Amino acid sequence: MTDAPESPATAILPEHAPIREKLTSWLVAEGYSVREGQARDAAWMLVVEDPAQRRFMVGQKPNRADVIVIQGTVAISEQHGRQLDELPDRERDDFLYDLRFRLLGLELDFQGVAHPLRQVMLNEHIYWDDLTRNEFFRTLKRVRHGIVAVIWSVGRKLQQPTAPLADDGGGVEVN
């Protein structure tokens, strides 16, 4: 799911509404803030923020009422991107492979772990059929761990402390 330009909200189909309502109630009960979002390729989308200000998108495929998508995005700051670009080719390639293997170890689908490293998207698909609250939050936790793995890996490679958000002077932004 990718953010769509702001546009008027579209009506949610009756078969999608109960799923969105159930997930919203689970998230709010666990202390997450939730707001409506929009995406070009989703029947509905929630923008979810955890207490540490990491943001996730939770949505449903428009043509698959049984598929829920959880996505987290880490944007690499311009400064950190340049520093990674300046690494020797071999060192940078080794770093990217290590990051890929780390994300695979978390059993996450991902995009963007390539040169130049500017944005990493982490995705997980789960199926609504018999979805439990426990399974949903385990999946959300796996995406959250992927976000942290990217942030910490970049910070460690560049030997700099990383802050969770770029707007406070740190090196990455979590969307």
N, C-alpha and C. Protein backbone atom coordinates (compact mmCIF):
# COMPACT_ATOMS: atom_id res chain seq x y z
N MET A 1 0.84 -1.17 0.00
CA MET A 1 0.00 0.00 0.00
C MET A 1 0.89 1.23 0.00
N THR A 2 0.55 2.13 -0.82
CA THR A 2 1.30 3.38 -0.84
C THR A 2 0.32 4.52 -0.67
N ASP A 3 0.78 5.58 -0.03
CA ASP A 3 -0.09 6.72 0.20
C ASP A 3 -0.59 7.28 -1.12
N ALA A 4 -1.83 7.69 -1.10
CA ALA A 4 -2.42 8.33 -2.27
C ALA A 4 -2.52 9.82 -2.00
N PRO A 5 -2.58 10.61 -3.04
CA PRO A 5 -2.80 12.03 -2.82
C PRO A 5 -4.11 12.23 -2.08
N GLU A 6 -4.18 13.29 -1.32
CA GLU A 6 -5.40 13.57 -0.57
C GLU A 6 -6.57 13.70 -1.53
N SER A 7 -7.62 13.01 -1.23
CA SER A 7 -8.84 13.10 -2.02
C SER A 7 -10.00 12.77 -1.11
N PRO A 8 -11.20 13.06 -1.53
CA PRO A 8 -12.35 12.76 -0.69
C PRO A 8 -12.40 11.28 -0.36
N ALA A 9 -12.83 10.96 0.84
CA ALA A 9 -12.92 9.57 1.27
C ALA A 9 -13.94 8.83 0.41
N THR A 10 -13.62 7.62 0.10
CA THR A 10 -14.55 6.80 -0.66
C THR A 10 -15.31 5.91 0.31
N ALA A 11 -16.49 5.51 -0.09
CA ALA A 11 -17.31 4.67 0.76
C ALA A 11 -16.69 3.29 0.86
N ILE A 12 -16.73 2.75 2.06
CA ILE A 12 -16.19 1.41 2.31
C ILE A 12 -17.31 0.41 2.08
N LEU A 13 -16.98 -0.63 1.37
CA LEU A 13 -17.98 -1.66 1.09
C LEU A 13 -18.41 -2.35 2.38
N PRO A 14 -19.65 -2.81 2.44
CA PRO A 14 -20.17 -3.43 3.67
C PRO A 14 -19.33 -4.62 4.16
N GLU A 15 -18.75 -5.38 3.25
CA GLU A 15 -17.95 -6.53 3.68
C GLU A 15 -16.59 -6.13 4.27
N HIS A 16 -16.14 -4.89 4.00
CA HIS A 16 -14.87 -4.42 4.53
C HIS A 16 -15.00 -3.74 5.89
N ALA A 17 -16.14 -3.11 6.17
CA ALA A 17 -16.32 -2.31 7.38
C ALA A 17 -16.10 -3.09 8.68
N PRO A 18 -16.65 -4.31 8.84
CA PRO A 18 -16.46 -5.01 10.13
C PRO A 18 -14.99 -5.33 10.42
N ILE A 19 -14.23 -5.60 9.39
CA ILE A 19 -12.81 -5.91 9.58
C ILE A 19 -12.07 -4.66 10.05
N ARG A 20 -12.31 -3.55 9.38
CA ARG A 20 -11.67 -2.29 9.77
C ARG A 20 -12.05 -1.91 11.21
N GLU A 21 -13.32 -2.06 11.55
CA GLU A 21 -13.78 -1.71 12.90
C GLU A 21 -13.13 -2.61 13.95
N LYS A 22 -13.02 -3.89 13.68
CA LYS A 22 -12.42 -4.83 14.63
C LYS A 22 -10.95 -4.50 14.85
N LEU A 23 -10.20 -4.28 13.78
CA LEU A 23 -8.78 -3.97 13.91
C LEU A 23 -8.58 -2.62 14.61
N THR A 24 -9.42 -1.66 14.30
CA THR A 24 -9.33 -0.35 14.97
C THR A 24 -9.54 -0.52 16.47
N SER A 25 -10.53 -1.29 16.87
CA SER A 25 -10.79 -1.46 18.31
C SER A 25 -9.63 -2.18 18.99
N TRP A 26 -9.02 -3.18 18.33
CA TRP A 26 -7.87 -3.86 18.90
C TRP A 26 -6.71 -2.88 19.10
N LEU A 27 -6.44 -2.08 18.08
CA LEU A 27 -5.31 -1.15 18.14
C LEU A 27 -5.50 -0.09 19.22
N VAL A 28 -6.68 0.49 19.29
CA VAL A 28 -6.96 1.53 20.28
C VAL A 28 -6.86 0.94 21.69
N ALA A 29 -7.37 -0.27 21.88
CA ALA A 29 -7.31 -0.92 23.20
C ALA A 29 -5.87 -1.16 23.65
N GLU A 30 -4.96 -1.29 22.72
CA GLU A 30 -3.54 -1.53 23.05
C GLU A 30 -2.73 -0.24 23.11
N GLY A 31 -3.37 0.92 23.00
CA GLY A 31 -2.69 2.18 23.16
C GLY A 31 -2.12 2.80 21.90
N TYR A 32 -2.47 2.28 20.75
CA TYR A 32 -2.03 2.87 19.48
C TYR A 32 -2.98 4.01 19.12
N SER A 33 -2.45 5.03 18.47
CA SER A 33 -3.34 6.04 17.91
C SER A 33 -3.65 5.63 16.47
N VAL A 34 -4.87 5.87 16.07
CA VAL A 34 -5.35 5.41 14.77
C VAL A 34 -6.10 6.54 14.10
N ARG A 35 -5.78 6.75 12.81
CA ARG A 35 -6.55 7.71 12.02
C ARG A 35 -6.78 7.10 10.64
N GLU A 36 -7.77 7.62 9.98
CA GLU A 36 -8.08 7.16 8.63
C GLU A 36 -7.00 7.64 7.67
N GLY A 37 -6.65 6.82 6.74
CA GLY A 37 -5.73 7.18 5.69
C GLY A 37 -6.34 6.77 4.36
N GLN A 38 -5.62 7.06 3.30
CA GLN A 38 -6.08 6.67 1.97
C GLN A 38 -4.91 6.09 1.20
N ALA A 39 -5.22 5.12 0.38
CA ALA A 39 -4.21 4.53 -0.49
C ALA A 39 -4.88 4.17 -1.80
N ARG A 40 -4.11 4.30 -2.86
CA ARG A 40 -4.64 3.98 -4.20
C ARG A 40 -5.04 2.51 -4.30
N ASP A 41 -4.28 1.66 -3.65
CA ASP A 41 -4.48 0.23 -3.84
C ASP A 41 -5.03 -0.46 -2.60
N ALA A 42 -5.95 0.20 -1.89
CA ALA A 42 -6.55 -0.38 -0.69
C ALA A 42 -8.03 -0.05 -0.63
N ALA A 43 -8.81 -0.99 -0.10
CA ALA A 43 -10.23 -0.74 0.13
C ALA A 43 -10.40 0.28 1.25
N TRP A 44 -9.52 0.20 2.23
CA TRP A 44 -9.44 1.17 3.33
C TRP A 44 -8.03 1.09 3.89
N MET A 45 -7.65 2.16 4.59
CA MET A 45 -6.31 2.17 5.19
C MET A 45 -6.37 2.94 6.50
N LEU A 46 -5.70 2.41 7.50
CA LEU A 46 -5.53 3.09 8.78
C LEU A 46 -4.07 3.48 8.92
N VAL A 47 -3.83 4.67 9.42
CA VAL A 47 -2.48 5.10 9.77
C VAL A 47 -2.40 4.91 11.28
N VAL A 48 -1.49 4.04 11.69
CA VAL A 48 -1.38 3.61 13.08
C VAL A 48 -0.05 4.10 13.63
N GLU A 49 -0.07 4.64 14.84
CA GLU A 49 1.17 5.09 15.47
C GLU A 49 1.28 4.46 16.85
N ASP A 50 2.45 3.85 17.12
CA ASP A 50 2.66 3.25 18.43
C ASP A 50 3.17 4.31 19.41
N PRO A 51 3.25 3.98 20.69
CA PRO A 51 3.71 4.98 21.67
C PRO A 51 5.11 5.54 21.38
N ALA A 52 5.96 4.82 20.64
CA ALA A 52 7.30 5.30 20.30
C ALA A 52 7.30 6.12 19.01
N GLN A 53 6.13 6.44 18.51
CA GLN A 53 5.93 7.26 17.31
C GLN A 53 6.37 6.57 16.02
N ARG A 54 6.36 5.26 16.01
CA ARG A 54 6.60 4.53 14.76
C ARG A 54 5.23 4.39 14.09
N ARG A 55 5.19 4.71 12.81
CA ARG A 55 3.94 4.67 12.07
C ARG A 55 3.88 3.46 11.15
N PHE A 56 2.67 2.94 11.05
CA PHE A 56 2.38 1.79 10.21
C PHE A 56 1.13 2.10 9.40
N MET A 57 0.99 1.42 8.30
CA MET A 57 -0.26 1.46 7.57
C MET A 57 -0.86 0.07 7.67
N VAL A 58 -2.12 0.02 8.00
CA VAL A 58 -2.86 -1.24 8.06
C VAL A 58 -4.04 -1.06 7.13
N GLY A 59 -4.18 -1.96 6.18
CA GLY A 59 -5.27 -1.82 5.22
C GLY A 59 -5.71 -3.16 4.67
N GLN A 60 -6.65 -3.06 3.77
CA GLN A 60 -7.24 -4.25 3.18
C GLN A 60 -7.21 -4.13 1.67
N LYS A 61 -6.86 -5.21 1.02
CA LYS A 61 -6.85 -5.24 -0.44
C LYS A 61 -8.28 -5.03 -0.95
N PRO A 62 -8.46 -4.22 -1.99
CA PRO A 62 -9.82 -3.94 -2.47
C PRO A 62 -10.50 -5.15 -3.10
N ASN A 63 -9.73 -5.99 -3.71
CA ASN A 63 -10.30 -7.14 -4.41
C ASN A 63 -10.16 -8.44 -3.62
N ARG A 64 -9.64 -8.35 -2.39
CA ARG A 64 -9.43 -9.53 -1.54
C ARG A 64 -9.87 -9.20 -0.12
N ALA A 65 -11.11 -9.45 0.19
CA ALA A 65 -11.63 -9.13 1.52
C ALA A 65 -10.93 -9.93 2.61
N ASP A 66 -10.22 -10.98 2.23
CA ASP A 66 -9.56 -11.82 3.24
C ASP A 66 -8.11 -11.42 3.53
N VAL A 67 -7.55 -10.43 2.83
CA VAL A 67 -6.14 -10.08 2.98
C VAL A 67 -5.99 -8.72 3.67
N ILE A 68 -5.27 -8.73 4.78
CA ILE A 68 -4.92 -7.51 5.51
C ILE A 68 -3.43 -7.27 5.28
N VAL A 69 -3.05 -6.03 5.03
CA VAL A 69 -1.66 -5.67 4.78
C VAL A 69 -1.20 -4.74 5.90
N ILE A 70 -0.04 -5.06 6.45
CA ILE A 70 0.61 -4.18 7.43
C ILE A 70 1.90 -3.72 6.78
N GLN A 71 2.12 -2.42 6.76
CA GLN A 71 3.30 -1.87 6.08
C GLN A 71 3.96 -0.81 6.96
N GLY A 72 5.27 -0.86 6.98
CA GLY A 72 6.06 0.18 7.63
C GLY A 72 7.11 0.66 6.65
N THR A 73 7.43 1.94 6.69
CA THR A 73 8.40 2.51 5.77
C THR A 73 9.43 3.30 6.55
N VAL A 74 10.69 3.10 6.21
CA VAL A 74 11.78 3.87 6.80
C VAL A 74 12.42 4.69 5.68
N ALA A 75 12.39 6.01 5.82
CA ALA A 75 13.02 6.90 4.85
C ALA A 75 14.40 7.28 5.39
N ILE A 76 15.41 7.08 4.60
CA ILE A 76 16.78 7.41 4.98
C ILE A 76 17.01 8.90 4.69
N SER A 77 17.57 9.61 5.65
CA SER A 77 17.81 11.04 5.45
C SER A 77 18.79 11.26 4.31
N GLU A 78 18.73 12.44 3.75
CA GLU A 78 19.64 12.78 2.66
C GLU A 78 21.10 12.66 3.11
N GLN A 79 21.39 13.13 4.31
CA GLN A 79 22.75 13.06 4.84
C GLN A 79 23.23 11.61 4.98
N HIS A 80 22.41 10.77 5.58
CA HIS A 80 22.81 9.37 5.75
C HIS A 80 22.87 8.65 4.41
N GLY A 81 21.99 9.01 3.50
CA GLY A 81 22.05 8.42 2.16
C GLY A 81 23.37 8.74 1.48
N ARG A 82 23.81 9.98 1.58
CA ARG A 82 25.10 10.37 0.99
C ARG A 82 26.26 9.62 1.65
N GLN A 83 26.20 9.48 2.97
CA GLN A 83 27.27 8.77 3.67
C GLN A 83 27.33 7.31 3.23
N LEU A 84 26.19 6.69 3.05
CA LEU A 84 26.17 5.31 2.56
C LEU A 84 26.70 5.24 1.13
N ASP A 85 26.35 6.23 0.31
CA ASP A 85 26.85 6.27 -1.08
C ASP A 85 28.36 6.37 -1.13
N GLU A 86 28.96 7.05 -0.16
CA GLU A 86 30.40 7.28 -0.16
C GLU A 86 31.20 6.08 0.35
N LEU A 87 30.53 5.07 0.89
CA LEU A 87 31.25 3.87 1.34
C LEU A 87 31.88 3.18 0.13
N PRO A 88 32.99 2.49 0.34
CA PRO A 88 33.54 1.69 -0.76
C PRO A 88 32.49 0.68 -1.24
N ASP A 89 32.49 0.41 -2.53
CA ASP A 89 31.46 -0.46 -3.12
C ASP A 89 31.31 -1.77 -2.37
N ARG A 90 32.40 -2.43 -2.08
CA ARG A 90 32.34 -3.75 -1.42
C ARG A 90 31.72 -3.64 -0.03
N GLU A 91 32.14 -2.62 0.72
CA GLU A 91 31.62 -2.42 2.08
C GLU A 91 30.11 -2.12 2.04
N ARG A 92 29.69 -1.28 1.10
CA ARG A 92 28.27 -0.94 0.97
C ARG A 92 27.47 -2.17 0.56
N ASP A 93 27.98 -2.95 -0.40
CA ASP A 93 27.28 -4.16 -0.83
C ASP A 93 27.14 -5.16 0.31
N ASP A 94 28.21 -5.32 1.10
CA ASP A 94 28.15 -6.23 2.25
C ASP A 94 27.10 -5.76 3.25
N PHE A 95 27.04 -4.45 3.50
CA PHE A 95 26.05 -3.89 4.41
C PHE A 95 24.63 -4.17 3.91
N LEU A 96 24.39 -3.94 2.62
CA LEU A 96 23.05 -4.17 2.08
C LEU A 96 22.66 -5.64 2.15
N TYR A 97 23.60 -6.55 1.86
CA TYR A 97 23.29 -7.98 1.98
C TYR A 97 23.00 -8.36 3.43
N ASP A 98 23.78 -7.83 4.37
CA ASP A 98 23.52 -8.12 5.78
C ASP A 98 22.14 -7.63 6.19
N LEU A 99 21.76 -6.45 5.73
CA LEU A 99 20.44 -5.91 6.06
C LEU A 99 19.34 -6.78 5.43
N ARG A 100 19.53 -7.20 4.20
CA ARG A 100 18.55 -8.09 3.55
C ARG A 100 18.37 -9.39 4.33
N PHE A 101 19.50 -9.99 4.73
CA PHE A 101 19.42 -11.25 5.47
C PHE A 101 18.76 -11.04 6.84
N ARG A 102 19.02 -9.91 7.47
CA ARG A 102 18.39 -9.61 8.76
C ARG A 102 16.87 -9.52 8.58
N LEU A 103 16.42 -8.84 7.53
CA LEU A 103 14.98 -8.71 7.29
C LEU A 103 14.35 -10.04 6.90
N LEU A 104 15.07 -10.84 6.13
CA LEU A 104 14.57 -12.17 5.81
C LEU A 104 14.43 -13.01 7.07
N GLY A 105 15.37 -12.86 8.00
CA GLY A 105 15.30 -13.57 9.27
C GLY A 105 14.08 -13.21 10.08
N LEU A 106 13.58 -12.00 9.88
CA LEU A 106 12.34 -11.58 10.54
C LEU A 106 11.11 -12.04 9.76
N GLU A 107 11.34 -12.71 8.64
CA GLU A 107 10.27 -13.22 7.77
C GLU A 107 9.39 -12.09 7.23
N LEU A 108 10.05 -11.00 6.82
CA LEU A 108 9.34 -9.86 6.25
C LEU A 108 9.56 -9.75 4.76
N ASP A 109 8.55 -9.30 4.06
CA ASP A 109 8.73 -8.89 2.67
C ASP A 109 9.22 -7.45 2.72
N PHE A 110 10.12 -7.10 1.82
CA PHE A 110 10.67 -5.76 1.84
C PHE A 110 11.03 -5.32 0.44
N GLN A 111 11.13 -4.01 0.29
CA GLN A 111 11.56 -3.39 -0.97
C GLN A 111 12.47 -2.23 -0.62
N GLY A 112 13.39 -1.94 -1.52
CA GLY A 112 14.22 -0.75 -1.37
C GLY A 112 15.58 -0.97 -0.76
N VAL A 113 15.92 -2.19 -0.38
CA VAL A 113 17.24 -2.45 0.20
C VAL A 113 18.21 -2.67 -0.95
N ALA A 114 18.59 -1.57 -1.55
CA ALA A 114 19.47 -1.57 -2.72
C ALA A 114 20.20 -0.23 -2.75
N HIS A 115 21.18 -0.15 -3.61
CA HIS A 115 21.91 1.10 -3.77
C HIS A 115 21.23 1.94 -4.85
N PRO A 116 20.91 3.16 -4.63
CA PRO A 116 21.12 3.94 -3.41
C PRO A 116 20.01 3.65 -2.39
N LEU A 117 20.39 3.52 -1.13
CA LEU A 117 19.44 3.25 -0.06
C LEU A 117 18.78 4.56 0.35
N ARG A 118 17.50 4.69 0.05
CA ARG A 118 16.77 5.93 0.36
C ARG A 118 15.48 5.66 1.13
N GLN A 119 14.86 4.52 0.86
CA GLN A 119 13.61 4.19 1.53
C GLN A 119 13.45 2.67 1.55
N VAL A 120 13.09 2.15 2.71
CA VAL A 120 12.85 0.72 2.84
C VAL A 120 11.40 0.52 3.24
N MET A 121 10.70 -0.28 2.45
CA MET A 121 9.30 -0.61 2.75
C MET A 121 9.24 -2.04 3.24
N LEU A 122 8.59 -2.24 4.38
CA LEU A 122 8.43 -3.54 5.00
C LEU A 122 6.95 -3.90 4.94
N ASN A 123 6.65 -5.09 4.44
CA ASN A 123 5.26 -5.50 4.26
C ASN A 123 5.01 -6.87 4.86
N GLU A 124 3.81 -7.03 5.36
CA GLU A 124 3.37 -8.33 5.82
C GLU A 124 1.91 -8.48 5.45
N HIS A 125 1.56 -9.62 4.90
CA HIS A 125 0.17 -9.92 4.56
C HIS A 125 -0.32 -10.99 5.53
N ILE A 126 -1.51 -10.77 6.06
CA ILE A 126 -2.13 -11.79 6.90
C ILE A 126 -3.56 -11.98 6.41
N TYR A 127 -4.12 -13.10 6.74
CA TYR A 127 -5.45 -13.46 6.26
C TYR A 127 -6.47 -13.31 7.37
N TRP A 128 -7.60 -12.69 7.00
CA TRP A 128 -8.64 -12.39 7.97
C TRP A 128 -9.29 -13.65 8.52
N ASP A 129 -9.41 -14.67 7.72
CA ASP A 129 -10.07 -15.90 8.16
C ASP A 129 -9.43 -16.39 9.45
N ASP A 130 -10.20 -16.46 10.51
CA ASP A 130 -9.74 -16.94 11.82
C ASP A 130 -8.58 -16.14 12.39
N LEU A 131 -8.40 -14.87 11.98
CA LEU A 131 -7.34 -14.04 12.53
C LEU A 131 -7.62 -13.76 14.01
N THR A 132 -6.62 -14.02 14.84
CA THR A 132 -6.76 -13.71 16.26
C THR A 132 -6.04 -12.41 16.57
N ARG A 133 -6.42 -11.82 17.66
CA ARG A 133 -5.77 -10.60 18.13
C ARG A 133 -4.28 -10.85 18.34
N ASN A 134 -3.96 -12.00 18.92
CA ASN A 134 -2.58 -12.35 19.18
C ASN A 134 -1.76 -12.43 17.89
N GLU A 135 -2.30 -13.07 16.87
CA GLU A 135 -1.60 -13.19 15.60
C GLU A 135 -1.42 -11.82 14.93
N PHE A 136 -2.45 -10.99 15.01
CA PHE A 136 -2.36 -9.65 14.42
C PHE A 136 -1.23 -8.85 15.07
N PHE A 137 -1.17 -8.85 16.41
CA PHE A 137 -0.14 -8.07 17.08
C PHE A 137 1.25 -8.68 16.94
N ARG A 138 1.34 -9.98 16.81
CA ARG A 138 2.65 -10.59 16.51
C ARG A 138 3.16 -10.14 15.15
N THR A 139 2.26 -10.05 14.19
CA THR A 139 2.64 -9.60 12.85
C THR A 139 3.04 -8.13 12.88
N LEU A 140 2.27 -7.31 13.57
CA LEU A 140 2.60 -5.89 13.71
C LEU A 140 3.96 -5.73 14.40
N LYS A 141 4.22 -6.55 15.38
CA LYS A 141 5.50 -6.51 16.10
C LYS A 141 6.66 -6.87 15.17
N ARG A 142 6.45 -7.83 14.30
CA ARG A 142 7.50 -8.22 13.35
C ARG A 142 7.84 -7.06 12.40
N VAL A 143 6.83 -6.35 11.94
CA VAL A 143 7.07 -5.17 11.09
C VAL A 143 7.79 -4.09 11.90
N ARG A 144 7.37 -3.89 13.14
CA ARG A 144 8.03 -2.92 14.02
C ARG A 144 9.50 -3.30 14.22
N HIS A 145 9.78 -4.56 14.43
CA HIS A 145 11.17 -5.01 14.58
C HIS A 145 11.97 -4.78 13.30
N GLY A 146 11.32 -4.92 12.16
CA GLY A 146 12.00 -4.63 10.89
C GLY A 146 12.37 -3.16 10.79
N ILE A 147 11.47 -2.29 11.21
CA ILE A 147 11.75 -0.85 11.20
C ILE A 147 12.96 -0.55 12.08
N VAL A 148 12.96 -1.10 13.28
CA VAL A 148 14.06 -0.87 14.21
C VAL A 148 15.36 -1.46 13.65
N ALA A 149 15.28 -2.62 13.01
CA ALA A 149 16.48 -3.24 12.43
C ALA A 149 17.10 -2.34 11.37
N VAL A 150 16.28 -1.72 10.54
CA VAL A 150 16.80 -0.81 9.51
C VAL A 150 17.44 0.41 10.17
N ILE A 151 16.74 1.01 11.13
CA ILE A 151 17.25 2.21 11.80
C ILE A 151 18.58 1.91 12.48
N TRP A 152 18.62 0.83 13.25
CA TRP A 152 19.83 0.51 13.99
C TRP A 152 20.97 0.10 13.06
N SER A 153 20.65 -0.61 12.00
CA SER A 153 21.70 -1.05 11.06
C SER A 153 22.36 0.15 10.39
N VAL A 154 21.56 1.10 9.94
CA VAL A 154 22.14 2.30 9.31
C VAL A 154 22.96 3.08 10.33
N GLY A 155 22.41 3.27 11.53
CA GLY A 155 23.13 3.99 12.56
C GLY A 155 24.45 3.33 12.93
N ARG A 156 24.41 2.02 13.06
CA ARG A 156 25.63 1.29 13.41
C ARG A 156 26.67 1.38 12.30
N LYS A 157 26.23 1.22 11.07
CA LYS A 157 27.16 1.27 9.94
C LYS A 157 27.83 2.63 9.86
N LEU A 158 27.07 3.66 10.12
CA LEU A 158 27.61 5.02 10.03
C LEU A 158 28.18 5.49 11.36
N GLN A 159 28.16 4.60 12.34
CA GLN A 159 28.68 4.88 13.69
C GLN A 159 28.10 6.16 14.25
N GLN A 160 26.77 6.28 14.09
CA GLN A 160 26.06 7.44 14.60
C GLN A 160 24.83 6.97 15.34
N PRO A 161 24.49 7.66 16.42
CA PRO A 161 23.22 7.32 17.06
C PRO A 161 22.09 7.70 16.11
N THR A 162 21.05 6.92 16.08
CA THR A 162 19.91 7.24 15.22
C THR A 162 18.74 7.66 16.08
N ALA A 163 18.04 8.64 15.61
CA ALA A 163 16.82 9.10 16.27
C ALA A 163 15.64 8.53 15.50
N PRO A 164 14.51 8.36 16.16
CA PRO A 164 13.40 7.73 15.47
C PRO A 164 12.82 8.55 14.33
N LEU A 165 12.96 9.87 14.34
CA LEU A 165 12.37 10.67 13.28
C LEU A 165 13.37 11.68 12.75
N ALA A 166 13.34 11.90 11.46
CA ALA A 166 14.26 12.84 10.82
C ALA A 166 14.00 14.27 11.24
N ASP A 167 12.77 14.61 11.57
CA ASP A 167 12.47 16.01 11.85
C ASP A 167 13.05 16.49 13.18
N ASP A 168 13.63 15.59 13.98
CA ASP A 168 14.29 16.05 15.20
C ASP A 168 15.80 15.94 15.08
N GLY A 169 16.30 15.95 13.85
CA GLY A 169 17.73 15.95 13.63
C GLY A 169 18.32 14.57 13.43
N GLY A 170 17.49 13.54 13.47
CA GLY A 170 17.99 12.18 13.30
C GLY A 170 18.19 11.83 11.84
N GLY A 171 18.44 10.58 11.59
CA GLY A 171 18.80 10.17 10.25
C GLY A 171 17.75 9.42 9.48
N VAL A 172 16.66 9.04 10.10
CA VAL A 172 15.66 8.27 9.38
C VAL A 172 14.28 8.80 9.76
N GLU A 173 13.36 8.51 8.90
CA GLU A 173 11.97 8.88 9.19
C GLU A 173 11.14 7.64 9.03
N VAL A 174 10.26 7.41 9.98
CA VAL A 174 9.39 6.25 9.94
C VAL A 174 8.02 6.72 9.49
N ASN A 175 7.55 6.13 8.39
CA ASN A 175 6.23 6.51 7.87
C ASN A 175 5.27 5.37 8.05
